[in-house]
Amino acid sequence: MESMEGVLVINLIKSLATSLLRSLKPASAARGRSLSELAFSGIVYLISIGIGLGIGAIPVIVMGKDPVKAYWTLFHASLGGIPQIAETLVKTIPLWLTGLGISLAFSVGFWNIGGEGQFYLGAIAATGIGISIASLHLPQPIALFLVMAAGIIGGASWALIPAFLKVFQGINEIIVTVMMNFIAILLSEYLILGPWRDPAAPEPMTLPIATESILPKLVPRTWLHAGLFIAIAATVVAHVIMKKTVLGYEIKCVGANPVAAKWSGIDISRVTIYSMLLAGGLIGLAGASEIAGIHYRLLRGISPGYGALAIIIALLAKYEPVGVAVASFFFAALLVGADALQRTINMPVSAVYVIEATILLSTYILQNVLRRGLRA
């Protein structure tokens, strides 16, 4: 029965993805060019993954381990069955939503390195609301809405600070967003160790959120939760904004050439602030979904570096929402596989970081080399 339910969920995900991809098909006049670009990108990514896996095998060999066995372990741990795929999707959700937010910020030319901090603020805000409504016993839809909305507002508010500082004071956003990451993490530490601490817990953590605000599970005996559908909906919304609205057009114009955008009458300050509101809200939603779907309370180290990894995902996806979804799943599989490698053959997680960095570098190098070769 459980396996049947798992199959139904996977099939539902496939059908949703297929419908989304069909809705994203370009007009017939531009379809040939889009398909050729897609084929070119696919070839580049496949070669880059091969190079990354090849270089990643070096530390495995140095350790005296079998690289074939290591990669088989990585594959089986992340994609070897419905429970494994479910675990990979669990890791995909926060990467997906955070990657969407980073992509929106980068699209407007705002170098948002503060995804980690915005993730934490979303988690903090969601936890605060979840704790405060625990005694009210609200209906589940209302409780879930309040917790998710709190996460969105928390992340968006945190993202507005560097946006205002850049727009009105000309302060470099990279420095501000990096420093604000540390502030957000330390704020979470204060709340966990101080006013929100659960006195009955054996280790530092906050009080639990309301049970009505917990996201429902999709596959029995796994941690896969309804945050997956939130991520799918966010991808559709992000695509519609970027491809079908005036704001999306303005975001791309400002990101491509702010001087030309200004002379064409686009209010760069307004567009930057709106895009950071959306970006921070999406990243805050990732933090809220992690609280409501997995932990049910705020813990130390709730993010293993989702903000930094989302930057790689956004760059590889070229800021495209569907590309972010695919890249997030791939890197989530690497994360899940890395844990398995550490348990089975004592391979350090840093070896997987080598693979990730190599894939990113290989992608950019190959794109430039191949494009120059085609032009020549």
Protein backbone atom coordinates (compact mmCIF):
# COMPACT_ATOMS: atom_id res chain seq x y z
CA MET A 1 0.00 0.00 0.00
CA GLU A 2 2.79 2.41 0.94
CA SER A 3 4.71 1.68 -2.25
CA MET A 4 1.55 2.31 -4.29
CA GLU A 5 1.06 5.68 -2.58
CA GLY A 6 4.69 6.52 -3.26
CA VAL A 7 4.32 5.62 -6.94
CA LEU A 8 1.19 7.78 -7.18
CA VAL A 9 3.05 10.76 -5.71
CA ILE A 10 6.02 10.30 -8.07
CA ASN A 11 3.64 10.01 -11.06
CA LEU A 12 1.84 13.16 -9.92
CA ILE A 13 5.15 15.01 -9.75
CA LYS A 14 6.03 13.80 -13.25
CA SER A 15 2.69 14.95 -14.65
CA LEU A 16 3.02 18.36 -13.01
CA ALA A 17 6.53 18.76 -14.40
CA THR A 18 5.36 17.71 -17.87
CA SER A 19 2.48 20.20 -17.78
CA LEU A 20 4.85 22.93 -16.66
CA LEU A 21 7.33 22.21 -19.43
CA ARG A 22 4.56 22.18 -22.04
CA SER A 23 3.35 25.55 -20.83
CA LEU A 24 6.85 26.94 -21.24
CA LYS A 25 7.22 26.03 -24.95
CA PRO A 26 8.22 29.05 -27.04
CA ALA A 27 6.28 30.40 -29.98
CA SER A 28 6.81 28.57 -33.26
CA ALA A 29 8.90 31.42 -34.71
CA ALA A 30 11.49 31.10 -31.95
CA ARG A 31 11.12 27.38 -31.26
CA GLY A 32 14.04 26.27 -33.42
CA ARG A 33 16.44 28.69 -31.79
CA SER A 34 15.27 27.73 -28.29
CA LEU A 35 15.64 24.02 -29.01
CA SER A 36 19.15 24.52 -30.36
CA GLU A 37 20.09 26.54 -27.28
CA LEU A 38 18.60 23.82 -25.09
CA ALA A 39 20.58 21.13 -26.94
CA PHE A 40 23.78 23.18 -26.64
CA SER A 41 23.27 23.71 -22.90
CA GLY A 42 22.45 20.03 -22.40
CA ILE A 43 25.68 18.95 -24.11
CA VAL A 44 27.71 21.42 -22.04
CA TYR A 45 26.13 20.26 -18.78
CA LEU A 46 26.64 16.56 -19.57
CA ILE A 47 30.32 17.11 -20.41
CA SER A 48 30.76 19.26 -17.29
CA ILE A 49 29.18 16.60 -15.07
CA GLY A 50 31.51 14.02 -16.60
CA ILE A 51 34.55 16.22 -15.93
CA GLY A 52 33.36 16.90 -12.38
CA LEU A 53 32.85 13.22 -11.64
CA GLY A 54 36.23 12.39 -13.19
CA ILE A 55 38.11 14.94 -11.06
CA GLY A 56 36.02 13.95 -8.03
CA ALA A 57 37.34 10.40 -8.41
CA ILE A 58 40.90 11.58 -7.69
CA PRO A 59 40.50 11.97 -3.90
CA VAL A 60 38.65 8.65 -3.81
CA ILE A 61 41.59 6.90 -5.48
CA VAL A 62 44.08 8.71 -3.21
CA MET A 63 42.16 7.35 -0.21
CA GLY A 64 42.57 3.84 -1.63
CA LYS A 65 38.86 3.46 -2.40
CA ASP A 66 37.13 2.21 -5.53
CA PRO A 67 35.65 5.22 -7.41
CA VAL A 68 33.13 3.02 -9.25
CA LYS A 69 31.83 1.69 -5.94
CA ALA A 70 31.80 5.22 -4.51
CA TYR A 71 29.71 6.60 -7.35
CA TRP A 72 27.39 3.61 -7.28
CA THR A 73 26.86 4.26 -3.56
CA LEU A 74 26.16 7.92 -4.31
CA PHE A 75 23.66 7.01 -7.03
CA HIS A 76 21.90 4.29 -5.04
CA ALA A 77 21.63 6.45 -1.91
CA SER A 78 19.95 9.30 -3.77
CA LEU A 79 18.02 7.62 -6.61
CA GLY A 80 17.92 3.90 -5.81
CA GLY A 81 14.22 3.69 -4.93
CA ILE A 82 11.17 5.65 -3.82
CA PRO A 83 12.49 6.30 -0.25
CA GLN A 84 15.82 7.48 -1.70
CA ILE A 85 14.15 9.72 -4.30
CA ALA A 86 11.89 11.10 -1.58
CA GLU A 87 14.94 11.98 0.55
CA THR A 88 16.56 13.69 -2.44
CA LEU A 89 13.37 15.69 -3.05
CA VAL A 90 13.40 16.74 0.62
CA LYS A 91 16.84 18.28 0.07
CA THR A 92 15.71 19.69 -3.27
CA ILE A 93 12.92 21.85 -1.81
CA PRO A 94 15.05 24.39 0.14
CA LEU A 95 17.67 24.49 -2.64
CA TRP A 96 14.92 25.01 -5.21
CA LEU A 97 13.20 27.90 -3.44
CA THR A 98 16.48 29.53 -2.43
CA GLY A 99 17.81 29.13 -5.97
CA LEU A 100 14.70 30.83 -7.37
CA GLY A 101 15.24 33.78 -5.03
CA ILE A 102 18.93 34.10 -5.87
CA SER A 103 18.10 33.91 -9.59
CA LEU A 104 15.61 36.77 -9.33
CA ALA A 105 18.15 38.93 -7.53
CA PHE A 106 20.93 38.15 -10.00
CA SER A 107 18.58 38.83 -12.93
CA VAL A 108 18.28 42.46 -11.88
CA GLY A 109 22.04 42.75 -11.36
CA PHE A 110 21.85 42.64 -7.57
CA TRP A 111 24.55 40.28 -6.26
CA ASN A 112 22.64 38.78 -3.37
CA ILE A 113 25.14 36.70 -1.38
CA GLY A 114 22.77 36.82 1.60
CA GLY A 115 20.62 33.82 0.81
CA GLU A 116 21.76 32.11 4.00
CA GLY A 117 20.66 35.03 6.15
CA GLN A 118 17.31 35.39 4.39
CA PHE A 119 16.77 31.64 4.81
CA TYR A 120 17.41 31.94 8.54
CA LEU A 121 15.11 34.97 8.90
CA GLY A 122 12.34 33.06 7.16
CA ALA A 123 12.88 30.14 9.52
CA ILE A 124 12.99 32.46 12.55
CA ALA A 125 9.79 34.29 11.58
CA ALA A 126 7.96 31.03 10.82
CA THR A 127 9.05 29.55 14.15
CA GLY A 128 7.98 32.64 16.06
CA ILE A 129 4.48 32.60 14.58
CA GLY A 130 4.27 28.81 14.91
CA ILE A 131 5.09 28.99 18.62
CA SER A 132 2.73 31.90 19.28
CA ILE A 133 -0.30 30.16 17.74
CA ALA A 134 0.39 26.77 19.34
CA SER A 135 -2.22 27.29 22.04
CA LEU A 136 -4.90 28.65 19.69
CA HIS A 137 -5.60 25.37 17.83
CA LEU A 138 -6.39 27.13 14.58
CA PRO A 139 -7.64 25.22 11.53
CA GLN A 140 -4.71 23.74 9.62
CA PRO A 141 -5.10 25.88 6.45
CA ILE A 142 -5.06 29.09 8.50
CA ALA A 143 -2.13 27.95 10.66
CA LEU A 144 -0.12 26.89 7.62
CA PHE A 145 -0.87 30.15 5.84
CA LEU A 146 0.28 32.20 8.84
CA VAL A 147 3.55 30.29 9.19
CA MET A 148 4.35 30.40 5.46
CA ALA A 149 3.42 34.10 5.24
CA ALA A 150 5.66 34.83 8.23
CA GLY A 151 8.55 33.13 6.46
CA ILE A 152 7.96 35.16 3.30
CA ILE A 153 7.76 38.43 5.23
CA GLY A 154 10.84 37.57 7.30
CA GLY A 155 13.00 36.80 4.27
CA ALA A 156 11.67 39.76 2.26
CA SER A 157 12.24 42.20 5.13
CA TRP A 158 15.82 41.00 5.56
CA ALA A 159 16.46 41.34 1.83
CA LEU A 160 15.08 44.89 1.78
CA ILE A 161 17.89 46.17 4.02
CA PRO A 162 20.75 45.69 1.52
CA ALA A 163 18.39 46.73 -1.31
CA PHE A 164 17.65 50.09 0.34
CA LEU A 165 21.32 50.59 1.25
CA LYS A 166 22.37 50.07 -2.38
CA VAL A 167 19.57 52.08 -3.96
CA PHE A 168 19.66 55.10 -1.64
CA GLN A 169 23.22 55.06 -0.29
CA GLY A 170 25.18 53.29 -3.03
CA ILE A 171 26.60 50.76 -0.57
CA ASN A 172 27.98 47.57 -2.11
CA GLU A 173 25.42 44.78 -1.70
CA ILE A 174 27.98 41.98 -1.61
CA ILE A 175 29.57 43.24 1.60
CA VAL A 176 26.23 43.99 3.24
CA THR A 177 24.56 40.68 2.38
CA VAL A 178 27.59 38.64 3.49
CA MET A 179 27.75 40.43 6.86
CA MET A 180 24.00 40.09 7.34
CA ASN A 181 24.34 36.32 7.03
CA PHE A 182 26.33 36.26 10.26
CA ILE A 183 23.83 38.54 12.01
CA ALA A 184 20.93 36.25 11.07
CA ILE A 185 22.75 33.09 12.19
CA LEU A 186 23.75 34.68 15.50
CA LEU A 187 20.17 35.93 16.01
CA SER A 188 18.93 32.36 15.61
CA GLU A 189 21.55 31.19 18.14
CA TYR A 190 20.31 33.79 20.64
CA LEU A 191 16.68 32.73 20.25
CA ILE A 192 17.54 29.03 20.48
CA LEU A 193 19.69 29.44 23.57
CA GLY A 194 17.57 32.19 25.12
CA PRO A 195 13.89 33.22 25.06
CA TRP A 196 12.56 30.46 22.77
CA ARG A 197 14.54 27.55 24.22
CA ASP A 198 12.62 24.40 25.06
CA PRO A 199 13.55 23.57 28.66
CA ALA A 200 12.52 19.93 28.19
CA ALA A 201 14.76 19.36 25.16
CA PRO A 202 18.04 17.45 25.68
CA GLU A 203 19.95 19.86 23.43
CA PRO A 204 19.52 23.51 22.42
CA MET A 205 16.37 24.01 20.33
CA THR A 206 13.26 26.15 20.47
CA LEU A 207 9.78 25.20 21.57
CA PRO A 208 7.84 23.31 18.86
CA ILE A 209 5.51 25.07 16.46
CA ALA A 210 1.76 24.39 16.42
CA THR A 211 0.92 20.92 15.15
CA GLU A 212 -1.69 22.49 12.85
CA SER A 213 1.09 24.40 11.04
CA ILE A 214 3.03 21.27 10.05
CA LEU A 215 3.12 20.54 6.32
CA PRO A 216 1.52 17.18 5.46
CA LYS A 217 3.70 14.29 4.31
CA LEU A 218 3.41 13.04 0.74
CA VAL A 219 5.04 9.60 1.00
CA PRO A 220 4.60 7.43 4.12
CA ARG A 221 7.73 6.69 6.16
CA THR A 222 9.66 9.49 4.48
CA TRP A 223 10.19 13.18 5.19
CA LEU A 224 8.85 14.29 1.80
CA HIS A 225 6.30 17.02 2.50
CA ALA A 226 3.92 19.35 0.69
CA GLY A 227 6.64 21.97 0.38
CA LEU A 228 7.36 20.26 -2.93
CA PHE A 229 4.10 21.62 -4.35
CA ILE A 230 4.94 25.05 -2.92
CA ALA A 231 8.22 24.96 -4.85
CA ILE A 232 6.44 23.92 -8.06
CA ALA A 233 3.91 26.75 -7.65
CA ALA A 234 6.72 29.22 -6.94
CA THR A 235 8.46 28.13 -10.15
CA VAL A 236 5.32 28.77 -12.20
CA VAL A 237 4.87 32.19 -10.58
CA ALA A 238 8.52 33.11 -11.12
CA HIS A 239 8.30 32.05 -14.77
CA VAL A 240 5.13 34.08 -15.35
CA ILE A 241 6.67 37.15 -13.70
CA MET A 242 9.89 36.96 -15.71
CA LYS A 243 8.34 36.03 -19.08
CA LYS A 244 4.84 37.51 -19.10
CA THR A 245 4.84 40.73 -17.05
CA VAL A 246 6.18 44.25 -17.38
CA LEU A 247 8.08 43.85 -14.12
CA GLY A 248 9.91 40.80 -15.48
CA TYR A 249 10.85 42.71 -18.63
CA GLU A 250 12.12 45.61 -16.51
CA ILE A 251 14.12 43.25 -14.28
CA LYS A 252 15.89 41.76 -17.31
CA CYS A 253 16.51 45.20 -18.81
CA VAL A 254 18.04 46.57 -15.63
CA GLY A 255 20.17 43.45 -15.19
CA ALA A 256 21.40 43.53 -18.81
CA ASN A 257 22.15 47.26 -19.06
CA PRO A 258 21.13 49.60 -16.24
CA VAL A 259 22.23 52.72 -18.15
CA ALA A 260 20.05 51.88 -21.16
CA ALA A 261 17.20 50.91 -18.82
CA LYS A 262 17.42 54.27 -17.08
CA TRP A 263 17.39 56.21 -20.34
CA SER A 264 14.38 54.21 -21.52
CA GLY A 265 12.42 55.45 -18.52
CA ILE A 266 12.65 52.45 -16.19
CA ASP A 267 12.83 53.33 -12.50
CA ILE A 268 15.87 51.27 -11.49
CA SER A 269 15.37 51.86 -7.78
CA ARG A 270 11.78 50.62 -7.87
CA VAL A 271 12.64 47.55 -9.95
CA THR A 272 15.56 46.65 -7.69
CA ILE A 273 13.47 46.91 -4.54
CA TYR A 274 10.60 44.90 -6.02
CA SER A 275 12.93 42.16 -7.24
CA MET A 276 14.62 41.90 -3.85
CA LEU A 277 11.22 41.73 -2.15
CA LEU A 278 10.37 38.76 -4.36
CA ALA A 279 13.81 37.19 -3.96
CA GLY A 280 13.88 37.50 -0.18
CA GLY A 281 10.31 36.26 0.07
CA LEU A 282 11.11 33.11 -1.90
CA ILE A 283 14.21 32.41 0.20
CA GLY A 284 12.29 33.09 3.41
CA LEU A 285 9.64 30.65 2.18
CA ALA A 286 12.40 28.04 1.89
CA GLY A 287 13.26 28.57 5.55
CA ALA A 288 9.61 28.37 6.57
CA SER A 289 9.07 25.14 4.63
CA GLU A 290 12.10 23.60 6.32
CA ILE A 291 10.61 24.42 9.72
CA ALA A 292 7.05 23.35 8.92
CA GLY A 293 8.05 20.31 6.87
CA ILE A 294 11.08 18.80 8.61
CA HIS A 295 12.15 20.15 11.99
CA TYR A 296 8.96 21.63 13.53
CA ARG A 297 11.17 23.96 15.58
CA LEU A 298 14.28 26.11 15.13
CA LEU A 299 17.57 24.24 15.51
CA ARG A 300 21.21 25.25 15.38
CA GLY A 301 22.69 24.83 11.92
CA ILE A 302 19.31 24.38 10.26
CA SER A 303 20.92 25.22 6.92
CA PRO A 304 23.99 23.24 5.82
CA GLY A 305 24.90 26.03 3.41
CA TYR A 306 21.79 26.25 1.22
CA GLY A 307 22.43 29.93 0.52
CA ALA A 308 25.91 29.34 -0.89
CA LEU A 309 24.89 26.28 -2.89
CA ALA A 310 21.91 28.17 -4.33
CA ILE A 311 24.34 30.64 -5.91
CA ILE A 312 25.94 27.79 -7.90
CA ILE A 313 22.48 26.51 -8.84
CA ALA A 314 21.34 29.93 -10.06
CA LEU A 315 24.48 30.41 -12.15
CA LEU A 316 24.24 26.95 -13.71
CA ALA A 317 20.53 27.47 -14.46
CA LYS A 318 21.23 30.88 -16.05
CA TYR A 319 18.52 32.31 -13.78
CA GLU A 320 15.81 30.26 -15.51
CA PRO A 321 13.16 28.93 -13.05
CA VAL A 322 12.86 25.48 -14.65
CA GLY A 323 16.64 25.22 -14.85
CA VAL A 324 16.81 26.01 -11.14
CA ALA A 325 14.47 23.08 -10.43
CA VAL A 326 16.63 20.64 -12.42
CA ALA A 327 19.92 21.88 -10.97
CA SER A 328 18.49 21.79 -7.44
CA PHE A 329 17.52 18.14 -7.82
CA PHE A 330 20.99 17.26 -9.11
CA PHE A 331 22.81 19.00 -6.26
CA ALA A 332 20.36 17.56 -3.73
CA ALA A 333 21.27 14.11 -5.03
CA LEU A 334 24.93 14.95 -4.47
CA LEU A 335 24.18 16.07 -0.90
CA VAL A 336 22.25 12.90 -0.07
CA GLY A 337 24.91 10.76 -1.74
CA ALA A 338 27.68 12.56 0.16
CA ASP A 339 26.11 11.55 3.48
CA ALA A 340 26.01 7.94 2.30
CA LEU A 341 29.65 8.06 1.15
CA GLN A 342 30.69 9.38 4.53
CA ARG A 343 28.85 6.57 6.32
CA THR A 344 29.93 3.70 4.07
CA ILE A 345 33.50 4.38 2.91
CA ASN A 346 34.43 7.27 5.25
CA MET A 347 34.80 9.60 2.30
CA PRO A 348 34.82 13.26 3.44
CA VAL A 349 31.97 15.48 2.28
CA SER A 350 34.58 17.94 0.97
CA ALA A 351 35.20 15.52 -1.93
CA VAL A 352 31.63 16.18 -3.12
CA TYR A 353 32.29 19.92 -2.86
CA VAL A 354 35.19 19.37 -5.27
CA ILE A 355 32.74 17.78 -7.72
CA GLU A 356 30.29 20.68 -7.40
CA ALA A 357 32.95 23.35 -7.92
CA THR A 358 34.46 21.47 -10.87
CA ILE A 359 31.05 21.17 -12.57
CA LEU A 360 30.49 24.93 -12.23
CA LEU A 361 33.93 25.85 -13.57
CA SER A 362 33.73 23.29 -16.37
CA THR A 363 30.33 24.60 -17.44
CA TYR A 364 31.52 28.18 -17.79
CA ILE A 365 34.77 27.25 -19.50
CA LEU A 366 33.05 24.90 -21.95
CA GLN A 367 30.31 27.41 -22.76
CA ASN A 368 32.87 30.05 -23.69
CA VAL A 369 35.14 27.67 -25.63
CA LEU A 370 32.31 26.04 -27.58
CA ARG A 371 30.57 29.32 -28.40
CA ARG A 372 33.83 30.80 -29.71
CA GLY A 373 34.42 27.64 -31.74
CA LEU A 374 30.92 27.84 -33.26
CA ARG A 375 31.37 31.53 -34.13
CA ALA A 376 34.70 30.78 -35.76
